[in-house]
Amino acid sequence: MNWRRGRAVTSISTGMCRRICGSRRSARHPRSLTPTRRIQKRLPLPAGPVRRLSESGGMTMRKPEFTRILIGLAVVAVVITAGIALYLTTASSKEKTASLVNHRIAFVSTRDGTPDIFVMDGDGHHQRRLTGHPAADLYPVWSPDGTQIAFLRLNESLAFGRMTLSAEDNGLYLVSADGSGEVRLTPPEMTTFALVPPAWSPDGARLAFVVSRRAVGDETDIMRMDNTVEDVYLVAPDGGNLTRIVKGALVNQLAWSPDSQYLLFRSFPESKLYLVSQDGGEPMSLYEDSHPRYVTWSSTSEIAFYSDQDGLIYRASLESGEKVALTHSPLSLSALTWSPDGGQLAFVTAGGPGEPRELYVVPASGGDPVRLNAVDEWLSWPAWSPDGHWLLLTVMELTAGGRIPPSALYAVEVTADRAMRLTGEDGFNGLGAWAP
């Protein structure tokens, strides 16, 4: 493939890593979970014709007495209606909140000093540390069967927004969901990794990850400012079948197709999207005129992406090559993700320096985006719960001067637009991932 010369930009995840890798905070007891906002509902008054008793042969009343009785009946009806509505709303809310307990979340926390991998229940209870290495453990990703978690272990030194070359413990690792059996999947000589989250194939057979190395030959035409390029590798969960399928690219995203046969990756600075077979071969460029970004698959093998060209969100078919705009006004995005049932997409806007980011959902068939107001700070890393009821977010509260303070994980209930804070410790708490 032909790569054009360009200068790389520092990714959002890189900026977060630079901050969290330097955090040295002590652990505190988690705060109680409290909804930050609730929807207020108006209760409808009963409507319909009112007939005088005298019209049906009953006794006739004086007007004041009849009015008092009518008002009394209306009040009773309103009280009953309100009680039913409150019961249904409370029951539904409690049921959905209780459903969080059935989920598990893996995340990164610096509460004990360095970034480690933690797990917790979906409602924030039973938080437990799985790793405790002096290096930075980042980007947890669950196995499709929910029994294991893969993550990158990287040294804490940063250069030009990238990890410096060399650290003997750097690698792609695997740990059981109970914290046992930690193993290194990559060979000891492979020590330079890009700040790109690994991707586990839906069939559980392979993990994709990105390795950084010094550019050689023609690769210097597209290398980063630190003279590096990237290769994409696949490896089996037992550490076998290590295979390079992409050589000499600039990669900042990986995404498996639902059938595990293809891998999408985005290369920048030219902002191109490529499709490569899990067997390797020449990557195929897709939708070059749109400059795709933040690519996400649906369960039906369609994709959605944000276009750097016109600022719109598109839904596209890889079989036909057709694409349809889902939004009609230019946006500036920082994240995009498709719901498990394929019915809607969630996205986070990209605010300016020091400005909060906003969370929206839009129907997968297109339409007006709906803003979710439950959290209103610096949002990142949105992830749908497996049942599609909740969005997991890493939330940072921006302060004057743009300093990045400690971060917390929130679960936002999509239909009710309310949020629950799941972590309460100092330091960084984020990069959350739901168990399948």
Protein backbone atom coordinates (compact mmCIF):
# COMPACT_ATOMS: atom_id res chain seq x y z
CA MET A 1 0.00 0.00 0.00
CA ASN A 2 1.08 3.58 -0.47
CA TRP A 3 1.54 5.60 2.67
CA ARG A 4 1.91 9.36 2.58
CA ARG A 5 4.33 11.33 4.70
CA GLY A 6 2.72 13.03 7.63
CA ARG A 7 3.19 13.95 11.23
CA ALA A 8 1.38 11.97 13.83
CA VAL A 9 -0.81 13.52 16.44
CA THR A 10 -1.01 12.43 20.05
CA SER A 11 -4.11 10.31 20.66
CA ILE A 12 -6.60 10.87 23.45
CA SER A 13 -5.61 7.60 25.05
CA THR A 14 -1.97 8.69 24.94
CA GLY A 15 -2.78 11.86 26.86
CA MET A 16 -4.64 9.88 29.49
CA CYS A 17 -1.77 7.42 29.81
CA ARG A 18 0.72 10.22 30.28
CA ARG A 19 -1.33 11.49 33.20
CA ILE A 20 -2.30 8.21 34.82
CA CYS A 21 1.17 6.70 34.63
CA GLY A 22 2.43 9.48 36.88
CA SER A 23 -0.31 9.19 39.46
CA ARG A 24 0.72 8.10 42.97
CA ARG A 25 -2.37 8.11 45.11
CA SER A 26 -3.39 6.07 48.10
CA ALA A 27 -6.53 3.96 48.19
CA ARG A 28 -9.69 5.16 49.88
CA HIS A 29 -12.96 3.51 50.73
CA PRO A 30 -15.37 3.65 47.80
CA ARG A 31 -18.17 6.14 48.08
CA SER A 32 -21.75 5.02 48.09
CA LEU A 33 -23.48 4.83 44.77
CA THR A 34 -25.85 7.75 44.25
CA PRO A 35 -27.77 8.69 41.14
CA THR A 36 -26.60 12.09 39.92
CA ARG A 37 -29.81 12.95 38.10
CA ARG A 38 -33.33 11.64 37.79
CA ILE A 39 -36.04 12.26 35.26
CA GLN A 40 -39.06 14.13 36.60
CA LYS A 41 -42.31 12.91 35.03
CA ARG A 42 -45.60 14.79 34.85
CA LEU A 43 -48.64 12.76 35.78
CA PRO A 44 -51.63 13.14 33.41
CA LEU A 45 -55.03 14.21 34.75
CA PRO A 46 -57.98 12.00 33.84
CA ALA A 47 -60.02 13.37 30.95
CA GLY A 48 -63.45 12.62 29.48
CA PRO A 49 -67.11 13.72 29.58
CA VAL A 50 -68.82 14.15 32.97
CA ARG A 51 -72.57 13.48 33.06
CA ARG A 52 -75.00 14.91 35.62
CA LEU A 53 -76.68 12.29 37.74
CA SER A 54 -80.05 13.80 36.92
CA GLU A 55 -79.52 12.89 33.25
CA SER A 56 -79.64 9.20 34.12
CA GLY A 57 -82.59 9.49 36.43
CA GLY A 58 -80.67 10.08 39.65
CA MET A 59 -81.07 12.82 42.18
CA THR A 60 -80.24 16.43 41.29
CA MET A 61 -77.59 18.29 43.36
CA ARG A 62 -76.95 21.93 43.94
CA LYS A 63 -73.98 23.19 41.88
CA PRO A 64 -71.54 23.93 44.75
CA GLU A 65 -72.04 20.49 46.28
CA PHE A 66 -71.67 18.78 42.91
CA THR A 67 -68.48 20.75 42.20
CA ARG A 68 -66.96 19.69 45.53
CA ILE A 69 -67.69 16.03 44.84
CA LEU A 70 -66.31 16.28 41.32
CA ILE A 71 -63.10 17.87 42.58
CA GLY A 72 -62.80 15.18 45.23
CA LEU A 73 -63.14 12.42 42.65
CA ALA A 74 -60.53 14.08 40.47
CA VAL A 75 -58.09 14.30 43.39
CA VAL A 76 -58.58 10.62 44.19
CA ALA A 77 -58.00 9.73 40.54
CA VAL A 78 -54.81 11.78 40.44
CA VAL A 79 -53.52 10.18 43.66
CA ILE A 80 -54.22 6.68 42.34
CA THR A 81 -52.65 7.50 38.98
CA ALA A 82 -49.60 9.01 40.66
CA GLY A 83 -49.21 6.00 42.92
CA ILE A 84 -49.35 3.57 40.02
CA ALA A 85 -46.92 5.64 37.96
CA LEU A 86 -44.52 6.00 40.90
CA TYR A 87 -44.68 2.26 41.59
CA LEU A 88 -44.05 1.35 37.96
CA THR A 89 -41.23 3.89 37.60
CA THR A 90 -39.58 2.84 40.87
CA ALA A 91 -39.94 -0.85 40.08
CA SER A 92 -38.50 -0.40 36.61
CA SER A 93 -35.63 1.73 37.93
CA LYS A 94 -34.81 -0.76 40.70
CA GLU A 95 -34.99 -3.65 38.25
CA LYS A 96 -32.54 -2.01 35.85
CA THR A 97 -30.24 -0.94 38.68
CA ALA A 98 -30.32 -4.47 40.04
CA SER A 99 -29.39 -5.72 36.59
CA LEU A 100 -26.01 -4.01 36.98
CA VAL A 101 -25.12 -6.55 39.66
CA ASN A 102 -25.29 -9.28 37.02
CA HIS A 103 -22.53 -7.61 35.01
CA ARG A 104 -18.79 -7.40 35.62
CA ILE A 105 -16.42 -4.63 34.65
CA ALA A 106 -12.65 -4.61 34.20
CA PHE A 107 -10.90 -1.26 34.51
CA VAL A 108 -7.63 0.52 35.23
CA SER A 109 -6.96 2.25 38.56
CA THR A 110 -3.97 4.02 40.09
CA ARG A 111 -5.38 3.91 43.63
CA ASP A 112 -2.41 1.82 44.79
CA GLY A 113 0.25 3.83 42.96
CA THR A 114 0.77 2.53 39.43
CA PRO A 115 -1.95 1.65 36.88
CA ASP A 116 -3.28 -1.83 37.67
CA ILE A 117 -6.13 -3.95 36.32
CA PHE A 118 -9.19 -4.20 38.61
CA VAL A 119 -12.56 -5.92 38.35
CA MET A 120 -15.87 -5.09 40.03
CA ASP A 121 -19.57 -5.82 39.84
CA GLY A 122 -21.56 -3.68 37.45
CA ASP A 123 -22.92 -1.60 40.32
CA GLY A 124 -19.44 -0.78 41.64
CA HIS A 125 -19.32 -3.30 44.50
CA HIS A 126 -16.66 -5.94 45.18
CA GLN A 127 -13.76 -4.05 43.58
CA ARG A 128 -10.67 -6.21 43.41
CA ARG A 129 -7.16 -5.74 42.03
CA LEU A 130 -5.92 -8.41 39.61
CA THR A 131 -2.42 -7.12 38.81
CA GLY A 132 0.26 -5.34 40.83
CA HIS A 133 3.31 -4.84 38.63
CA PRO A 134 5.43 -1.63 38.92
CA ALA A 135 4.82 -0.99 35.20
CA ALA A 136 1.58 0.38 33.76
CA ASP A 137 -1.12 -2.24 33.05
CA LEU A 138 -3.54 -0.76 30.52
CA TYR A 139 -6.41 -1.47 28.12
CA PRO A 140 -8.20 -4.50 29.64
CA VAL A 141 -10.23 -6.56 27.15
CA TRP A 142 -12.37 -9.57 28.07
CA SER A 143 -12.30 -12.95 26.38
CA PRO A 144 -15.60 -13.77 24.62
CA ASP A 145 -16.43 -16.35 27.30
CA GLY A 146 -15.74 -13.89 30.14
CA THR A 147 -13.14 -16.04 31.89
CA GLN A 148 -9.95 -14.11 31.04
CA ILE A 149 -8.71 -10.56 30.55
CA ALA A 150 -5.97 -9.47 28.17
CA PHE A 151 -4.03 -6.24 28.74
CA LEU A 152 -0.88 -4.38 27.76
CA ARG A 153 1.97 -3.95 30.25
CA LEU A 154 4.10 -0.94 29.38
CA ASN A 155 6.91 1.00 30.99
CA GLU A 156 5.98 4.44 32.27
CA SER A 157 8.46 6.54 30.29
CA LEU A 158 6.94 8.54 27.47
CA ALA A 159 8.65 10.16 24.49
CA PHE A 160 6.82 12.29 21.91
CA GLY A 161 3.56 10.85 23.18
CA ARG A 162 4.69 7.28 22.50
CA MET A 163 6.18 4.62 24.73
CA THR A 164 9.97 4.70 24.70
CA LEU A 165 11.73 1.79 23.06
CA SER A 166 12.66 -0.99 25.48
CA ALA A 167 11.42 -2.33 28.77
CA GLU A 168 11.99 -5.97 29.50
CA ASP A 169 8.57 -6.61 31.03
CA ASN A 170 6.60 -4.90 28.27
CA GLY A 171 4.16 -7.18 26.51
CA LEU A 172 0.67 -8.49 25.92
CA TYR A 173 -0.51 -10.39 29.00
CA LEU A 174 -3.41 -12.59 30.00
CA VAL A 175 -4.92 -13.09 33.47
CA SER A 176 -7.91 -15.07 34.69
CA ALA A 177 -10.92 -13.06 35.83
CA ASP A 178 -10.20 -14.15 39.42
CA GLY A 179 -6.62 -12.82 39.24
CA SER A 180 -4.87 -16.16 38.87
CA GLY A 181 -2.68 -17.55 36.13
CA GLU A 182 -1.07 -14.39 34.72
CA VAL A 183 0.92 -15.23 31.58
CA ARG A 184 2.82 -13.28 28.96
CA LEU A 185 1.67 -13.98 25.39
CA THR A 186 4.42 -12.14 23.51
CA PRO A 187 8.10 -13.17 23.34
CA PRO A 188 10.61 -11.38 25.61
CA GLU A 189 12.36 -9.74 22.66
CA MET A 190 9.11 -7.98 21.67
CA THR A 191 9.13 -4.99 24.01
CA THR A 192 7.90 -1.95 22.08
CA PHE A 193 4.14 -1.57 21.83
CA ALA A 194 1.90 1.17 20.49
CA LEU A 195 -0.73 2.80 22.69
CA VAL A 196 -3.53 0.96 20.91
CA PRO A 197 -5.94 -1.31 22.83
CA PRO A 198 -5.65 -4.99 21.88
CA ALA A 199 -8.68 -6.59 20.20
CA TRP A 200 -9.96 -10.11 20.95
CA SER A 201 -11.65 -11.89 18.04
CA PRO A 202 -15.32 -12.78 18.68
CA ASP A 203 -14.56 -16.51 18.27
CA GLY A 204 -11.90 -16.25 20.99
CA ALA A 205 -9.16 -17.72 18.80
CA ARG A 206 -6.88 -14.69 18.35
CA LEU A 207 -5.81 -11.40 19.85
CA ALA A 208 -4.71 -8.52 17.64
CA PHE A 209 -2.19 -5.97 18.92
CA VAL A 210 0.16 -3.30 17.59
CA VAL A 211 3.95 -3.26 17.92
CA SER A 212 6.13 -0.17 17.44
CA ARG A 213 9.59 -0.39 15.89
CA ARG A 214 12.22 1.76 14.22
CA ALA A 215 11.39 2.69 10.65
CA VAL A 216 13.68 1.29 7.95
CA GLY A 217 14.02 1.95 4.23
CA ASP A 218 10.94 3.48 2.59
CA GLU A 219 9.13 3.39 5.93
CA THR A 220 10.93 6.60 6.86
CA ASP A 221 8.54 8.37 4.48
CA ILE A 222 5.61 7.77 6.82
CA MET A 223 7.30 7.33 10.20
CA ARG A 224 6.29 9.18 13.32
CA MET A 225 8.21 12.02 14.88
CA ASP A 226 10.06 9.48 17.06
CA ASN A 227 11.16 7.57 13.90
CA THR A 228 8.82 4.64 14.49
CA VAL A 229 6.22 2.75 12.48
CA GLU A 230 3.85 -0.01 13.53
CA ASP A 231 3.08 -3.62 12.68
CA VAL A 232 -0.14 -5.50 13.49
CA TYR A 233 0.24 -8.99 14.98
CA LEU A 234 -2.10 -11.84 15.86
CA VAL A 235 -1.49 -14.34 18.65
CA ALA A 236 -3.48 -17.24 20.13
CA PRO A 237 -4.58 -17.07 23.79
CA ASP A 238 -1.99 -19.73 24.62
CA GLY A 239 0.80 -17.61 23.11
CA GLY A 240 1.09 -19.68 19.93
CA ASN A 241 0.69 -18.82 16.25
CA LEU A 242 2.29 -15.38 16.51
CA THR A 243 1.79 -13.83 13.05
CA ARG A 244 2.40 -10.40 11.57
CA ILE A 245 -0.44 -9.42 9.20
CA VAL A 246 0.31 -5.70 8.65
CA LYS A 247 3.78 -4.21 8.23
CA GLY A 248 4.94 -0.60 8.31
CA ALA A 249 1.75 1.33 9.06
CA LEU A 250 0.62 4.01 11.50
CA VAL A 251 -2.21 2.41 13.47
CA ASN A 252 -4.52 3.89 16.09
CA GLN A 253 -7.53 1.52 16.10
CA LEU A 254 -8.29 -2.20 15.69
CA ALA A 255 -11.75 -3.74 15.22
CA TRP A 256 -12.70 -7.35 14.45
CA SER A 257 -15.57 -8.31 12.15
CA PRO A 258 -18.36 -10.30 13.89
CA ASP A 259 -17.32 -13.48 12.04
CA SER A 260 -13.66 -13.08 13.15
CA GLN A 261 -12.44 -13.30 9.55
CA TYR A 262 -11.38 -9.69 9.02
CA LEU A 263 -9.74 -6.90 10.96
CA LEU A 264 -10.34 -3.21 10.39
CA PHE A 265 -7.58 -0.79 11.27
CA ARG A 266 -7.30 2.93 10.86
CA SER A 267 -4.05 4.52 9.74
CA PHE A 268 -3.17 8.15 10.15
CA PRO A 269 -2.14 10.89 9.46
CA GLU A 270 -3.82 10.28 6.10
CA SER A 271 -6.95 9.09 7.98
CA LYS A 272 -7.56 5.95 5.94
CA LEU A 273 -9.50 2.85 6.87
CA TYR A 274 -8.15 -0.58 5.88
CA LEU A 275 -9.59 -4.09 5.90
CA VAL A 276 -7.22 -7.05 6.19
CA SER A 277 -7.93 -10.78 6.34
CA GLN A 278 -7.00 -12.69 9.49
CA ASP A 279 -4.80 -14.75 7.17
CA GLY A 280 -2.87 -11.63 6.11
CA GLY A 281 -2.48 -10.36 2.57
CA GLU A 282 -2.67 -6.86 1.11
CA PRO A 283 -4.92 -4.54 3.15
CA MET A 284 -7.83 -2.99 1.24
CA SER A 285 -8.53 0.73 1.57
CA LEU A 286 -12.17 1.65 2.29
CA TYR A 287 -14.17 4.86 1.86
CA GLU A 288 -11.13 7.01 1.11
CA ASP A 289 -13.29 10.03 0.24
CA SER A 290 -14.80 10.04 3.75
CA HIS A 291 -11.60 9.90 5.83
CA PRO A 292 -13.23 7.44 8.32
CA ARG A 293 -12.58 7.64 12.04
CA TYR A 294 -13.92 5.87 15.17
CA VAL A 295 -15.07 2.78 13.30
CA THR A 296 -17.52 0.41 14.99
CA TRP A 297 -19.09 -2.87 13.81
CA SER A 298 -22.73 -3.91 14.15
CA SER A 299 -23.76 -7.48 14.90
CA THR A 300 -24.95 -7.73 11.26
CA SER A 301 -21.48 -6.92 9.87
CA GLU A 302 -22.29 -3.35 8.90
CA ILE A 303 -19.98 -0.61 10.08
CA ALA A 304 -20.48 2.95 11.24
CA PHE A 305 -17.86 5.67 11.27
CA TYR A 306 -17.32 9.37 11.72
CA SER A 307 -16.13 11.25 8.65
CA ASP A 308 -13.28 13.69 9.10
CA GLN A 309 -14.23 15.05 5.68
CA ASP A 310 -17.71 16.43 6.41
CA GLY A 311 -18.26 15.82 10.14
CA LEU A 312 -21.15 13.37 9.67
CA ILE A 313 -21.77 9.87 11.05
CA TYR A 314 -22.25 7.19 8.38
CA ARG A 315 -23.64 3.66 8.29
CA ALA A 316 -22.00 1.53 5.60
CA SER A 317 -22.22 -1.93 4.05
CA LEU A 318 -18.91 -3.56 3.21
CA GLU A 319 -20.67 -5.92 0.79
CA SER A 320 -22.25 -3.23 -1.39
CA GLY A 321 -19.92 -0.38 -0.54
CA GLU A 322 -22.91 1.91 -0.02
CA LYS A 323 -23.01 4.38 2.85
CA VAL A 324 -25.84 6.42 4.35
CA ALA A 325 -25.48 9.52 6.51
CA LEU A 326 -27.16 9.11 9.91
CA THR A 327 -26.66 12.74 10.95
CA HIS A 328 -27.20 15.87 8.91
CA SER A 329 -25.23 18.56 10.74
CA PRO A 330 -21.42 18.59 11.08
CA LEU A 331 -20.14 17.32 14.42
CA SER A 332 -16.79 17.03 16.13
CA LEU A 333 -16.46 13.57 17.69
CA SER A 334 -14.08 11.85 20.09
CA ALA A 335 -15.77 8.40 20.25
CA LEU A 336 -18.46 6.30 18.55
CA THR A 337 -19.87 2.88 19.49
CA TRP A 338 -22.76 0.67 18.26
CA SER A 339 -25.29 -0.83 20.68
CA PRO A 340 -25.34 -4.64 21.03
CA ASP A 341 -28.79 -4.96 19.42
CA GLY A 342 -27.79 -2.72 16.52
CA GLY A 343 -30.61 -0.27 17.20
CA GLN A 344 -28.63 2.86 18.05
CA LEU A 345 -25.20 4.39 18.28
CA ALA A 346 -23.68 6.38 21.11
CA PHE A 347 -21.10 9.07 20.54
CA VAL A 348 -19.14 11.63 22.53
CA THR A 349 -18.45 15.07 21.13
CA ALA A 350 -14.97 16.57 21.14
CA GLY A 351 -15.08 19.80 23.09
CA GLY A 352 -12.35 22.39 22.92
CA PRO A 353 -9.58 22.72 25.54
CA GLY A 354 -11.14 22.97 28.97
CA GLU A 355 -14.66 22.38 27.61
CA PRO A 356 -16.90 19.48 28.68
CA ARG A 357 -17.76 16.73 26.21
CA GLU A 358 -21.34 15.67 25.56
CA LEU A 359 -22.89 12.21 25.26
CA TYR A 360 -25.52 11.49 22.59
CA VAL A 361 -27.42 8.54 21.13
CA VAL A 362 -28.77 8.39 17.58
CA PRO A 363 -30.95 5.73 15.91
CA ALA A 364 -29.05 3.39 13.60
CA SER A 365 -31.65 4.23 10.97
CA GLY A 366 -30.79 7.92 11.23
CA GLY A 367 -32.51 10.87 12.87
CA ASP A 368 -31.89 13.59 15.41
CA PRO A 369 -29.30 12.76 18.08
CA VAL A 370 -30.58 12.83 21.67
CA ARG A 371 -28.32 14.23 24.33
CA LEU A 372 -27.93 12.38 27.64
CA ASN A 373 -27.39 14.96 30.38
CA ALA A 374 -26.73 12.68 33.35
CA VAL A 375 -23.00 13.46 33.28
CA ASP A 376 -21.54 16.65 31.92
CA GLU A 377 -17.78 16.71 32.28
CA TRP A 378 -14.81 15.48 30.23
CA LEU A 379 -16.16 12.16 28.94
CA SER A 380 -14.32 9.37 27.18
CA TRP A 381 -14.26 5.63 26.50
CA PRO A 382 -18.02 4.93 26.09
CA ALA A 383 -18.95 1.23 26.19
CA TRP A 384 -22.38 -0.42 25.97
CA SER A 385 -23.42 -2.99 28.55
CA PRO A 386 -24.23 -6.39 27.02
CA ASP A 387 -27.98 -5.82 27.57
CA GLY A 388 -27.83 -2.36 25.96
CA HIS A 389 -29.33 -0.57 28.99
CA TRP A 390 -26.19 1.21 30.20
CA LEU A 391 -23.21 3.12 28.87
CA LEU A 392 -19.95 2.95 30.82
CA LEU A 393 -17.92 6.17 30.77
CA THR A 394 -14.60 7.44 32.06
CA VAL A 395 -15.40 10.89 33.49
CA MET A 396 -12.88 13.60 34.33
CA GLU A 397 -13.83 16.88 35.95
CA LEU A 398 -11.98 19.64 34.14
CA THR A 399 -10.56 22.50 36.19
CA ALA A 400 -9.33 25.94 35.24
CA GLY A 401 -6.19 25.70 33.20
CA GLY A 402 -7.11 22.36 31.64
CA ARG A 403 -5.41 20.20 34.30
CA ILE A 404 -6.64 16.61 34.22
CA PRO A 405 -7.79 15.61 37.73
CA PRO A 406 -8.57 12.12 39.05
CA SER A 407 -11.12 10.24 36.97
CA ALA A 408 -14.10 8.07 37.86
CA LEU A 409 -16.20 5.44 36.15
CA TYR A 410 -19.91 6.12 35.67
CA ALA A 411 -22.73 3.94 34.35
CA VAL A 412 -25.38 5.95 32.48
CA GLU A 413 -28.84 4.43 32.07
CA VAL A 414 -29.72 5.29 28.48
CA THR A 415 -33.53 5.30 28.67
CA ALA A 416 -33.80 7.19 31.98
CA ASP A 417 -30.78 9.48 31.48
CA ARG A 418 -29.45 8.97 34.99
CA ALA A 419 -25.95 8.06 36.09
CA MET A 420 -24.37 6.08 38.89
CA ARG A 421 -20.81 6.66 40.01
CA LEU A 422 -19.05 3.31 40.32
CA THR A 423 -15.64 4.32 41.69
CA GLY A 424 -14.76 6.80 44.42
CA GLU A 425 -11.01 6.52 44.86
CA ASP A 426 -8.40 9.17 44.12
CA GLY A 427 -6.23 8.93 41.04
CA PHE A 428 -7.24 7.57 37.67
CA ASN A 429 -10.14 5.11 37.43
CA GLY A 430 -11.19 4.41 33.87
CA LEU A 431 -10.74 2.53 30.59
CA GLY A 432 -13.63 0.31 31.64
CA ALA A 433 -14.74 -2.81 29.74
CA TRP A 434 -17.88 -4.90 30.32
CA ALA A 435 -17.62 -8.66 30.58
CA PRO A 436 -19.65 -10.43 27.85
